[in-house]
């Protein structure tokens, strides 16, 4: 016998007046499921895991106020491990003492960047990186920087950064240099690469976050994102696939002010569109993607691209 429970069923049966009522009902439902699971005679391991996952999701909502959704296409054992890790992290995070990265490492001795010669900065960086790894901390650099810049960032900035003093066993905390020091050129190149990849794979859609909420055309016509996507999908529908894609990004620029910024990425792109009748159509032209900086990210608000017609 299969059992399932959703918060929608709970809310349909009772009238929810406020958030406190919802939490009480969730806890009652949680107790009911736990009693049911104690008497469950079904020996199907997968079904038992699904029941446990229901309990874990309700715990997240009742105890922490989190919102969860069933992962129907995910193996229940993987979902089970994920939900347990989320619960463990949230419980640990809520009770953890606030500290700094340096204090969480045990206040190790280290040399100041100015005290290290160019010949020894590489080994010192390796040593400090190994120390971080022992505590399950990794620092990611998305672009190329010299060893002194990396070492100075770790010891002069990251060490003073606030940490929660809690780590789930087996989990690694990642810090990204560019989140402290934005690399706008790299971000613009990444947005352009995402657009190119999604175009060639014909997977641009409403969830393609590299696209801005609105497109601004040269004649000042403003198109909402959904209309732009509809036009792009009409183009995609005319071809079974795009093949032999090539591109080069050779022009990136941007300007920032207190209200945001404007940027662009340009270059050359070429690909072959395969029509439904088997014929091929070749596209080779320069391209330019115009972007705006808003909310801490770059997004494309207009594109001149081979094969794209508005």
C-alpha atoms as a PDB file:
ATOM      1  CA  UNK A   1       0.000   0.000   0.000  1.00  0.00           C
ATOM      2  CA  UNK A   2       1.378   3.388  -0.962  1.00  0.00           C
ATOM      3  CA  UNK A   3       0.984   6.405   1.294  1.00  0.00           C
ATOM      4  CA  UNK A   4       1.511  10.006   0.292  1.00  0.00           C
ATOM      5  CA  UNK A   5       0.730  13.350   1.837  1.00  0.00           C
ATOM      6  CA  UNK A   6       1.018  16.857   0.538  1.00  0.00           C
ATOM      7  CA  UNK A   7       0.690  20.160   2.315  1.00  0.00           C
ATOM      8  CA  UNK A   8      -2.044  21.059  -0.197  1.00  0.00           C
ATOM      9  CA  UNK A   9      -4.259  18.277   1.226  1.00  0.00           C
ATOM     10  CA  UNK A  10      -3.663  19.547   4.732  1.00  0.00           C
ATOM     11  CA  UNK A  11      -4.537  23.115   3.732  1.00  0.00           C
ATOM     12  CA  UNK A  12      -7.682  21.979   1.881  1.00  0.00           C
ATOM     13  CA  UNK A  13      -9.051  20.258   4.981  1.00  0.00           C
ATOM     14  CA  UNK A  14      -8.478  23.123   7.395  1.00  0.00           C
ATOM     15  CA  UNK A  15      -8.746  26.870   7.146  1.00  0.00           C
ATOM     16  CA  UNK A  16      -5.384  28.489   7.735  1.00  0.00           C
ATOM     17  CA  UNK A  17      -5.692  31.794   9.563  1.00  0.00           C
ATOM     18  CA  UNK A  18      -2.007  32.606  10.046  1.00  0.00           C
ATOM     19  CA  UNK A  19       1.479  31.171   9.778  1.00  0.00           C
ATOM     20  CA  UNK A  20       1.328  29.811  13.350  1.00  0.00           C
ATOM     21  CA  UNK A  21      -1.763  27.756  12.437  1.00  0.00           C
ATOM     22  CA  UNK A  22       0.105  26.363   9.436  1.00  0.00           C
ATOM     23  CA  UNK A  23       3.065  25.302  11.576  1.00  0.00           C
ATOM     24  CA  UNK A  24       0.737  23.579  14.073  1.00  0.00           C
ATOM     25  CA  UNK A  25      -0.998  21.681  11.281  1.00  0.00           C
ATOM     26  CA  UNK A  26       2.329  20.679   9.765  1.00  0.00           C
ATOM     27  CA  UNK A  27       3.499  19.302  13.094  1.00  0.00           C
ATOM     28  CA  UNK A  28       0.220  17.379  13.491  1.00  0.00           C
ATOM     29  CA  UNK A  29       0.619  15.960  10.001  1.00  0.00           C
ATOM     30  CA  UNK A  30       4.209  15.064  10.773  1.00  0.00           C
ATOM     31  CA  UNK A  31       3.158  13.175  13.891  1.00  0.00           C
ATOM     32  CA  UNK A  32       0.476  11.337  11.908  1.00  0.00           C
ATOM     33  CA  UNK A  33       2.949  10.267   9.233  1.00  0.00           C
ATOM     34  CA  UNK A  34       5.476   9.078  11.819  1.00  0.00           C
ATOM     35  CA  UNK A  35       2.763   6.928  13.440  1.00  0.00           C
ATOM     36  CA  UNK A  36       1.811   5.569  10.030  1.00  0.00           C
ATOM     37  CA  UNK A  37       5.402   4.770   9.234  1.00  0.00           C
ATOM     38  CA  UNK A  38       5.775   2.850  12.509  1.00  0.00           C
ATOM     39  CA  UNK A  39       2.958   0.535  11.437  1.00  0.00           C
ATOM     40  CA  UNK A  40       3.855   0.376   7.792  1.00  0.00           C
ATOM     41  CA  UNK A  41       3.901  -3.253   6.697  1.00  0.00           C
ATOM     42  CA  UNK A  42       5.181  -2.526   3.238  1.00  0.00           C
ATOM     43  CA  UNK A  43       8.670  -3.977   2.854  1.00  0.00           C
ATOM     44  CA  UNK A  44       9.351  -2.119  -0.392  1.00  0.00           C
ATOM     45  CA  UNK A  45      12.544  -0.194   0.364  1.00  0.00           C
ATOM     46  CA  UNK A  46      11.873   2.430  -2.298  1.00  0.00           C
ATOM     47  CA  UNK A  47       8.373   3.100  -0.989  1.00  0.00           C
ATOM     48  CA  UNK A  48       9.673   3.356   2.569  1.00  0.00           C
ATOM     49  CA  UNK A  49      12.245   5.890   1.385  1.00  0.00           C
ATOM     50  CA  UNK A  50       9.531   7.960  -0.272  1.00  0.00           C
ATOM     51  CA  UNK A  51       7.593   7.928   3.008  1.00  0.00           C
ATOM     52  CA  UNK A  52      10.690   9.044   4.913  1.00  0.00           C
ATOM     53  CA  UNK A  53      11.293  11.802   2.362  1.00  0.00           C
ATOM     54  CA  UNK A  54       7.750  13.075   2.961  1.00  0.00           C
ATOM     55  CA  UNK A  55       8.550  13.231   6.677  1.00  0.00           C
ATOM     56  CA  UNK A  56      11.826  15.063   6.053  1.00  0.00           C
ATOM     57  CA  UNK A  57      10.134  17.623   3.807  1.00  0.00           C
ATOM     58  CA  UNK A  58       7.499  18.289   6.465  1.00  0.00           C
ATOM     59  CA  UNK A  59      10.215  18.647   9.089  1.00  0.00           C
ATOM     60  CA  UNK A  60      11.896  21.298   6.975  1.00  0.00           C
ATOM     61  CA  UNK A  61       8.619  23.214   6.752  1.00  0.00           C
ATOM     62  CA  UNK A  62       7.499  22.740  10.371  1.00  0.00           C
ATOM     63  CA  UNK A  63      10.838  23.276  12.118  1.00  0.00           C
ATOM     64  CA  UNK A  64      12.620  25.706   9.832  1.00  0.00           C
ATOM     65  CA  UNK A  65       9.928  27.301   7.714  1.00  0.00           C
ATOM     66  CA  UNK A  66      11.599  26.044   4.542  1.00  0.00           C
ATOM     67  CA  UNK A  67       9.722  25.442   1.285  1.00  0.00           C
ATOM     68  CA  UNK A  68      10.348  22.112  -0.446  1.00  0.00           C
ATOM     69  CA  UNK A  69       9.050  20.379  -3.535  1.00  0.00           C
ATOM     70  CA  UNK A  70       8.867  16.694  -4.329  1.00  0.00           C
ATOM     71  CA  UNK A  71      11.598  15.521  -6.700  1.00  0.00           C
ATOM     72  CA  UNK A  72       9.634  12.966  -8.706  1.00  0.00           C
ATOM     73  CA  UNK A  73      12.391  12.406 -11.254  1.00  0.00           C
ATOM     74  CA  UNK A  74      15.133  11.952  -8.636  1.00  0.00           C
ATOM     75  CA  UNK A  75      16.140   8.630  -7.122  1.00  0.00           C
ATOM     76  CA  UNK A  76      14.493   8.549  -3.647  1.00  0.00           C
ATOM     77  CA  UNK A  77      17.749   7.474  -2.010  1.00  0.00           C
ATOM     78  CA  UNK A  78      19.606  10.489  -3.452  1.00  0.00           C
ATOM     79  CA  UNK A  79      16.734  12.778  -2.426  1.00  0.00           C
ATOM     80  CA  UNK A  80      16.822  11.221   1.053  1.00  0.00           C
ATOM     81  CA  UNK A  81      20.521  11.983   1.475  1.00  0.00           C
ATOM     82  CA  UNK A  82      20.005  15.526   0.173  1.00  0.00           C
ATOM     83  CA  UNK A  83      17.124  16.271   2.569  1.00  0.00           C
ATOM     84  CA  UNK A  84      19.082  14.900   5.524  1.00  0.00           C
ATOM     85  CA  UNK A  85      22.064  17.078   4.646  1.00  0.00           C
ATOM     86  CA  UNK A  86      19.836  20.156   4.377  1.00  0.00           C
ATOM     87  CA  UNK A  87      18.288  19.435   7.778  1.00  0.00           C
ATOM     88  CA  UNK A  88      21.688  18.815   9.363  1.00  0.00           C
ATOM     89  CA  UNK A  89      23.100  22.015   7.879  1.00  0.00           C
ATOM     90  CA  UNK A  90      20.144  24.172   8.904  1.00  0.00           C
ATOM     91  CA  UNK A  91      20.137  22.819  12.467  1.00  0.00           C
ATOM     92  CA  UNK A  92      23.877  23.255  12.781  1.00  0.00           C
ATOM     93  CA  UNK A  93      23.832  26.703  11.209  1.00  0.00           C
ATOM     94  CA  UNK A  94      21.084  27.928  13.536  1.00  0.00           C
ATOM     95  CA  UNK A  95      23.020  26.839  16.630  1.00  0.00           C
ATOM     96  CA  UNK A  96      26.530  27.643  15.453  1.00  0.00           C
ATOM     97  CA  UNK A  97      28.628  30.362  17.061  1.00  0.00           C
ATOM     98  CA  UNK A  98      29.468  33.217  14.730  1.00  0.00           C
ATOM     99  CA  UNK A  99      33.172  33.462  14.063  1.00  0.00           C
ATOM    100  CA  UNK A 100      35.660  34.278  11.292  1.00  0.00           C
ATOM    101  CA  UNK A 101      37.352  32.015   8.781  1.00  0.00           C
ATOM    102  CA  UNK A 102      40.663  32.648  10.554  1.00  0.00           C
ATOM    103  CA  UNK A 103      39.235  31.660  13.952  1.00  0.00           C
ATOM    104  CA  UNK A 104      37.559  28.562  12.487  1.00  0.00           C
ATOM    105  CA  UNK A 105      41.020  27.446  11.299  1.00  0.00           C
ATOM    106  CA  UNK A 106      42.394  27.681  14.841  1.00  0.00           C
ATOM    107  CA  UNK A 107      44.188  31.040  14.363  1.00  0.00           C
ATOM    108  CA  UNK A 108      47.182  29.593  12.477  1.00  0.00           C
ATOM    109  CA  UNK A 109      50.471  31.447  12.078  1.00  0.00           C
ATOM    110  CA  UNK A 110      51.064  32.917   8.640  1.00  0.00           C
ATOM    111  CA  UNK A 111      53.318  35.449   6.968  1.00  0.00           C
ATOM    112  CA  UNK A 112      52.111  38.747   5.653  1.00  0.00           C
ATOM    113  CA  UNK A 113      52.322  39.068   1.843  1.00  0.00           C
ATOM    114  CA  UNK A 114      54.883  41.892   2.094  1.00  0.00           C
ATOM    115  CA  UNK A 115      57.212  39.592   4.066  1.00  0.00           C
ATOM    116  CA  UNK A 116      57.333  36.929   1.321  1.00  0.00           C
ATOM    117  CA  UNK A 117      59.681  37.074  -1.653  1.00  0.00           C
ATOM    118  CA  UNK A 118      58.504  36.387  -5.187  1.00  0.00           C
ATOM    119  CA  UNK A 119      60.375  33.070  -5.130  1.00  0.00           C
ATOM    120  CA  UNK A 120      58.540  31.851  -2.001  1.00  0.00           C
ATOM    121  CA  UNK A 121      55.041  33.206  -2.612  1.00  0.00           C
ATOM    122  CA  UNK A 122      54.057  30.090  -4.598  1.00  0.00           C
ATOM    123  CA  UNK A 123      54.993  27.593  -1.838  1.00  0.00           C
ATOM    124  CA  UNK A 124      53.338  29.812   0.805  1.00  0.00           C
ATOM    125  CA  UNK A 125      50.142  29.870  -1.248  1.00  0.00           C
ATOM    126  CA  UNK A 126      50.209  26.079  -1.517  1.00  0.00           C
ATOM    127  CA  UNK A 127      50.670  25.787   2.246  1.00  0.00           C
ATOM    128  CA  UNK A 128      47.789  28.115   3.083  1.00  0.00           C
ATOM    129  CA  UNK A 129      45.558  26.382   0.519  1.00  0.00           C
ATOM    130  CA  UNK A 130      46.349  22.997   2.075  1.00  0.00           C
ATOM    131  CA  UNK A 131      45.474  24.412   5.500  1.00  0.00           C
ATOM    132  CA  UNK A 132      42.073  25.519   4.209  1.00  0.00           C
ATOM    133  CA  UNK A 133      41.427  22.136   2.607  1.00  0.00           C
ATOM    134  CA  UNK A 134      42.014  20.398   5.946  1.00  0.00           C
ATOM    135  CA  UNK A 135      39.031  22.354   7.230  1.00  0.00           C
ATOM    136  CA  UNK A 136      36.979  21.631   4.088  1.00  0.00           C
ATOM    137  CA  UNK A 137      37.332  25.146   2.725  1.00  0.00           C
ATOM    138  CA  UNK A 138      38.209  25.883  -0.896  1.00  0.00           C
ATOM    139  CA  UNK A 139      38.816  29.195  -2.625  1.00  0.00           C
ATOM    140  CA  UNK A 140      37.851  29.370  -6.301  1.00  0.00           C
ATOM    141  CA  UNK A 141      39.372  31.846  -8.746  1.00  0.00           C
ATOM    142  CA  UNK A 142      37.377  31.998 -11.963  1.00  0.00           C
ATOM    143  CA  UNK A 143      40.036  33.958 -13.852  1.00  0.00           C
ATOM    144  CA  UNK A 144      43.828  33.924 -13.882  1.00  0.00           C
ATOM    145  CA  UNK A 145      45.586  35.849 -11.094  1.00  0.00           C
ATOM    146  CA  UNK A 146      49.151  35.812  -9.837  1.00  0.00           C
ATOM    147  CA  UNK A 147      50.035  33.911  -6.661  1.00  0.00           C
ATOM    148  CA  UNK A 148      50.592  37.078  -4.623  1.00  0.00           C
ATOM    149  CA  UNK A 149      47.090  38.332  -5.391  1.00  0.00           C
ATOM    150  CA  UNK A 150      45.621  34.997  -4.340  1.00  0.00           C
ATOM    151  CA  UNK A 151      47.679  34.808  -1.141  1.00  0.00           C
ATOM    152  CA  UNK A 152      46.844  38.397  -0.190  1.00  0.00           C
ATOM    153  CA  UNK A 153      43.134  37.780  -0.749  1.00  0.00           C
ATOM    154  CA  UNK A 154      43.127  34.705   1.504  1.00  0.00           C
ATOM    155  CA  UNK A 155      45.160  36.161   4.363  1.00  0.00           C
ATOM    156  CA  UNK A 156      44.050  39.786   4.270  1.00  0.00           C
ATOM    157  CA  UNK A 157      40.377  39.464   3.326  1.00  0.00           C
ATOM    158  CA  UNK A 158      39.020  35.947   3.573  1.00  0.00           C
ATOM    159  CA  UNK A 159      40.541  35.321   7.010  1.00  0.00           C
ATOM    160  CA  UNK A 160      38.473  38.239   8.368  1.00  0.00           C
ATOM    161  CA  UNK A 161      35.298  37.092   6.640  1.00  0.00           C
ATOM    162  CA  UNK A 162      32.497  35.964   8.934  1.00  0.00           C
ATOM    163  CA  UNK A 163      31.918  32.201   9.071  1.00  0.00           C
ATOM    164  CA  UNK A 164      29.248  30.246  10.894  1.00  0.00           C
ATOM    165  CA  UNK A 165      31.677  27.921  12.649  1.00  0.00           C
ATOM    166  CA  UNK A 166      29.695  24.876  11.516  1.00  0.00           C
ATOM    167  CA  UNK A 167      30.357  22.377   8.759  1.00  0.00           C
ATOM    168  CA  UNK A 168      28.346  19.322   7.764  1.00  0.00           C
ATOM    169  CA  UNK A 169      30.652  16.272   7.613  1.00  0.00           C
ATOM    170  CA  UNK A 170      31.690  15.662   4.022  1.00  0.00           C
ATOM    171  CA  UNK A 171      30.581  19.129   2.883  1.00  0.00           C
ATOM    172  CA  UNK A 172      33.071  21.667   1.528  1.00  0.00           C
ATOM    173  CA  UNK A 173      32.597  25.422   1.865  1.00  0.00           C
ATOM    174  CA  UNK A 174      33.512  27.296  -1.322  1.00  0.00           C
ATOM    175  CA  UNK A 175      34.464  30.958  -1.476  1.00  0.00           C
ATOM    176  CA  UNK A 176      34.699  32.630  -4.887  1.00  0.00           C
ATOM    177  CA  UNK A 177      37.195  35.440  -5.330  1.00  0.00           C
ATOM    178  CA  UNK A 178      35.022  37.218  -7.886  1.00  0.00           C
ATOM    179  CA  UNK A 179      32.185  37.527  -5.359  1.00  0.00           C
ATOM    180  CA  UNK A 180      34.510  39.780  -3.367  1.00  0.00           C
ATOM    181  CA  UNK A 181      36.116  41.423  -6.409  1.00  0.00           C
ATOM    182  CA  UNK A 182      33.696  41.381  -9.369  1.00  0.00           C
ATOM    183  CA  UNK A 183      35.328  40.642 -12.714  1.00  0.00           C
ATOM    184  CA  UNK A 184      32.915  42.303 -15.111  1.00  0.00           C
ATOM    185  CA  UNK A 185      34.834  41.352 -18.232  1.00  0.00           C
ATOM    186  CA  UNK A 186      34.709  37.689 -17.227  1.00  0.00           C
ATOM    187  CA  UNK A 187      31.019  37.909 -16.314  1.00  0.00           C
ATOM    188  CA  UNK A 188      30.146  39.444 -19.683  1.00  0.00           C
ATOM    189  CA  UNK A 189      32.120  36.761 -21.515  1.00  0.00           C
ATOM    190  CA  UNK A 190      30.310  34.084 -19.491  1.00  0.00           C
ATOM    191  CA  UNK A 191      26.891  35.540 -20.329  1.00  0.00           C
ATOM    192  CA  UNK A 192      27.844  35.605 -23.997  1.00  0.00           C
ATOM    193  CA  UNK A 193      29.094  32.009 -23.868  1.00  0.00           C
ATOM    194  CA  UNK A 194      25.857  30.903 -22.186  1.00  0.00           C
ATOM    195  CA  UNK A 195      23.783  32.579 -24.891  1.00  0.00           C
ATOM    196  CA  UNK A 196      25.854  31.029 -27.680  1.00  0.00           C
ATOM    197  CA  UNK A 197      25.673  27.565 -26.112  1.00  0.00           C
ATOM    198  CA  UNK A 198      21.893  27.770 -25.608  1.00  0.00           C
ATOM    199  CA  UNK A 199      21.381  29.086 -29.144  1.00  0.00           C
ATOM    200  CA  UNK A 200      23.378  26.302 -30.776  1.00  0.00           C
ATOM    201  CA  UNK A 201      21.598  23.677 -28.642  1.00  0.00           C
ATOM    202  CA  UNK A 202      18.233  25.369 -29.326  1.00  0.00           C
ATOM    203  CA  UNK A 203      17.520  25.493 -25.594  1.00  0.00           C
ATOM    204  CA  UNK A 204      16.922  29.205 -25.015  1.00  0.00           C
ATOM    205  CA  UNK A 205      13.699  29.537 -23.012  1.00  0.00           C
ATOM    206  CA  UNK A 206      11.920  31.571 -20.341  1.00  0.00           C
ATOM    207  CA  UNK A 207      14.372  30.280 -17.716  1.00  0.00           C
ATOM    208  CA  UNK A 208      17.502  31.388 -19.589  1.00  0.00           C
ATOM    209  CA  UNK A 209      18.738  33.813 -16.988  1.00  0.00           C
ATOM    210  CA  UNK A 210      21.314  35.430 -19.299  1.00  0.00           C
ATOM    211  CA  UNK A 211      18.396  37.243 -20.966  1.00  0.00           C
ATOM    212  CA  UNK A 212      17.030  40.443 -19.432  1.00  0.00           C
ATOM    213  CA  UNK A 213      13.319  40.709 -18.527  1.00  0.00           C
ATOM    214  CA  UNK A 214      12.842  43.041 -21.503  1.00  0.00           C
ATOM    215  CA  UNK A 215      14.566  43.559 -24.855  1.00  0.00           C
ATOM    216  CA  UNK A 216      15.026  47.087 -26.182  1.00  0.00           C
ATOM    217  CA  UNK A 217      15.096  47.225 -29.992  1.00  0.00           C
ATOM    218  CA  UNK A 218      16.879  49.985 -31.985  1.00  0.00           C
ATOM    219  CA  UNK A 219      13.546  51.668 -32.793  1.00  0.00           C
ATOM    220  CA  UNK A 220      12.908  51.888 -29.026  1.00  0.00           C
ATOM    221  CA  UNK A 221      10.288  49.154 -29.100  1.00  0.00           C
ATOM    222  CA  UNK A 222      10.358  47.212 -25.838  1.00  0.00           C
ATOM    223  CA  UNK A 223       9.627  43.494 -25.999  1.00  0.00           C
ATOM    224  CA  UNK A 224       9.015  41.435 -22.847  1.00  0.00           C
ATOM    225  CA  UNK A 225      11.183  38.371 -22.462  1.00  0.00           C
ATOM    226  CA  UNK A 226       8.367  35.928 -23.208  1.00  0.00           C
ATOM    227  CA  UNK A 227       7.752  37.544 -26.591  1.00  0.00           C
ATOM    228  CA  UNK A 228      11.441  37.406 -27.453  1.00  0.00           C
ATOM    229  CA  UNK A 229      11.536  33.731 -26.486  1.00  0.00           C
ATOM    230  CA  UNK A 230       8.447  33.057 -28.638  1.00  0.00           C
ATOM    231  CA  UNK A 231      10.196  34.582 -31.668  1.00  0.00           C
ATOM    232  CA  UNK A 232      13.355  32.577 -30.971  1.00  0.00           C
ATOM    233  CA  UNK A 233      11.359  29.355 -30.622  1.00  0.00           C
ATOM    234  CA  UNK A 234       9.735  30.001 -34.004  1.00  0.00           C
ATOM    235  CA  UNK A 235      13.237  30.188 -35.480  1.00  0.00           C
ATOM    236  CA  UNK A 236      14.291  26.990 -33.723  1.00  0.00           C
ATOM    237  CA  UNK A 237      11.165  25.167 -34.916  1.00  0.00           C
ATOM    238  CA  UNK A 238      12.223  25.718 -38.534  1.00  0.00           C
ATOM    239  CA  UNK A 239      15.368  23.592 -38.042  1.00  0.00           C
ATOM    240  CA  UNK A 240      15.851  20.084 -36.726  1.00  0.00           C
ATOM    241  CA  UNK A 241      19.278  21.021 -35.366  1.00  0.00           C
ATOM    242  CA  UNK A 242      22.217  23.386 -35.605  1.00  0.00           C
ATOM    243  CA  UNK A 243      25.572  21.801 -36.446  1.00  0.00           C
ATOM    244  CA  UNK A 244      29.191  22.757 -37.118  1.00  0.00           C
ATOM    245  CA  UNK A 245      28.966  25.706 -34.771  1.00  0.00           C
ATOM    246  CA  UNK A 246      31.995  27.996 -34.421  1.00  0.00           C
ATOM    247  CA  UNK A 247      32.432  31.276 -32.606  1.00  0.00           C
ATOM    248  CA  UNK A 248      34.997  33.726 -31.337  1.00  0.00           C
ATOM    249  CA  UNK A 249      34.504  36.463 -28.744  1.00  0.00           C
ATOM    250  CA  UNK A 250      37.023  39.204 -29.465  1.00  0.00           C
ATOM    251  CA  UNK A 251      35.402  42.375 -28.168  1.00  0.00           C
ATOM    252  CA  UNK A 252      34.242  42.956 -24.582  1.00  0.00           C
ATOM    253  CA  UNK A 253      33.564  46.335 -23.013  1.00  0.00           C
ATOM    254  CA  UNK A 254      31.527  47.927 -20.242  1.00  0.00           C
ATOM    255  CA  UNK A 255      30.834  51.167 -18.406  1.00  0.00           C
ATOM    256  CA  UNK A 256      29.562  51.416 -14.832  1.00  0.00           C
ATOM    257  CA  UNK A 257      27.928  54.192 -12.852  1.00  0.00           C
ATOM    258  CA  UNK A 258      26.008  54.505  -9.596  1.00  0.00           C
ATOM    259  CA  UNK A 259      22.807  53.257 -11.258  1.00  0.00           C
ATOM    260  CA  UNK A 260      24.254  50.129 -12.897  1.00  0.00           C
ATOM    261  CA  UNK A 261      26.046  49.786 -16.182  1.00  0.00           C
ATOM    262  CA  UNK A 262      26.053  48.882 -19.854  1.00  0.00           C
ATOM    263  CA  UNK A 263      28.286  46.374 -21.601  1.00  0.00           C
ATOM    264  CA  UNK A 264      28.693  44.287 -24.704  1.00  0.00           C
ATOM    265  CA  UNK A 265      30.360  41.189 -26.121  1.00  0.00           C
ATOM    266  CA  UNK A 266      31.063  40.814 -29.808  1.00  0.00           C
ATOM    267  CA  UNK A 267      32.798  38.608 -32.314  1.00  0.00           C
ATOM    268  CA  UNK A 268      32.020  36.176 -35.115  1.00  0.00           C
ATOM    269  CA  UNK A 269      29.677  33.181 -35.129  1.00  0.00           C
ATOM    270  CA  UNK A 270      28.906  30.521 -37.686  1.00  0.00           C
ATOM    271  CA  UNK A 271      26.743  27.411 -37.798  1.00  0.00           C
ATOM    272  CA  UNK A 272      24.670  25.265 -40.135  1.00  0.00           C
ATOM    273  CA  UNK A 273      20.925  24.958 -39.694  1.00  0.00           C
ATOM    274  CA  UNK A 274      19.430  21.650 -40.840  1.00  0.00           C
ATOM    275  CA  UNK A 275      15.934  22.085 -42.277  1.00  0.00           C
ATOM    276  CA  UNK A 276      13.210  19.450 -41.953  1.00  0.00           C
ATOM    277  CA  UNK A 277      13.618  18.503 -45.618  1.00  0.00           C
ATOM    278  CA  UNK A 278      17.292  17.770 -45.013  1.00  0.00           C
ATOM    279  CA  UNK A 279      18.625  20.904 -46.673  1.00  0.00           C
ATOM    280  CA  UNK A 280      21.271  22.982 -44.943  1.00  0.00           C
ATOM    281  CA  UNK A 281      21.426  26.707 -44.435  1.00  0.00           C
ATOM    282  CA  UNK A 282      24.741  28.317 -43.501  1.00  0.00           C
ATOM    283  CA  UNK A 283      24.908  31.282 -41.112  1.00  0.00           C
ATOM    284  CA  UNK A 284      28.182  33.209 -40.764  1.00  0.00           C
ATOM    285  CA  UNK A 285      28.203  36.788 -39.519  1.00  0.00           C
ATOM    286  CA  UNK A 286      29.540  39.101 -36.838  1.00  0.00           C
ATOM    287  CA  UNK A 287      27.483  39.216 -33.654  1.00  0.00           C
ATOM    288  CA  UNK A 288      27.092  41.654 -30.793  1.00  0.00           C
ATOM    289  CA  UNK A 289      25.282  41.116 -27.504  1.00  0.00           C
ATOM    290  CA  UNK A 290      24.251  44.243 -25.599  1.00  0.00           C
ATOM    291  CA  UNK A 291      23.983  43.869 -21.824  1.00  0.00           C
ATOM    292  CA  UNK A 292      22.856  45.767 -18.750  1.00  0.00           C
ATOM    293  CA  UNK A 293      24.218  45.443 -15.222  1.00  0.00           C
ATOM    294  CA  UNK A 294      21.336  45.198 -12.790  1.00  0.00           C
ATOM    295  CA  UNK A 295      20.936  43.437  -9.466  1.00  0.00           C
ATOM    296  CA  UNK A 296      24.586  42.432  -9.386  1.00  0.00           C
ATOM    297  CA  UNK A 297      24.505  40.532 -12.704  1.00  0.00           C
ATOM    298  CA  UNK A 298      24.858  41.150 -16.420  1.00  0.00           C
ATOM    299  CA  UNK A 299      21.894  40.344 -18.675  1.00  0.00           C
ATOM    300  CA  UNK A 300      21.411  40.593 -22.452  1.00  0.00           C
ATOM    301  CA  UNK A 301      18.784  43.166 -23.480  1.00  0.00           C
ATOM    302  CA  UNK A 302      19.450  43.127 -27.244  1.00  0.00           C
ATOM    303  CA  UNK A 303      21.288  40.797 -29.605  1.00  0.00           C
ATOM    304  CA  UNK A 304      22.523  41.101 -33.149  1.00  0.00           C
ATOM    305  CA  UNK A 305      23.140  37.497 -34.098  1.00  0.00           C
ATOM    306  CA  UNK A 306      23.189  35.465 -37.353  1.00  0.00           C
ATOM    307  CA  UNK A 307      19.789  33.910 -37.902  1.00  0.00           C
ATOM    308  CA  UNK A 308      18.019  35.976 -35.226  1.00  0.00           C
ATOM    309  CA  UNK A 309      15.139  38.059 -36.581  1.00  0.00           C
ATOM    310  CA  UNK A 310      12.775  39.997 -34.311  1.00  0.00           C
END
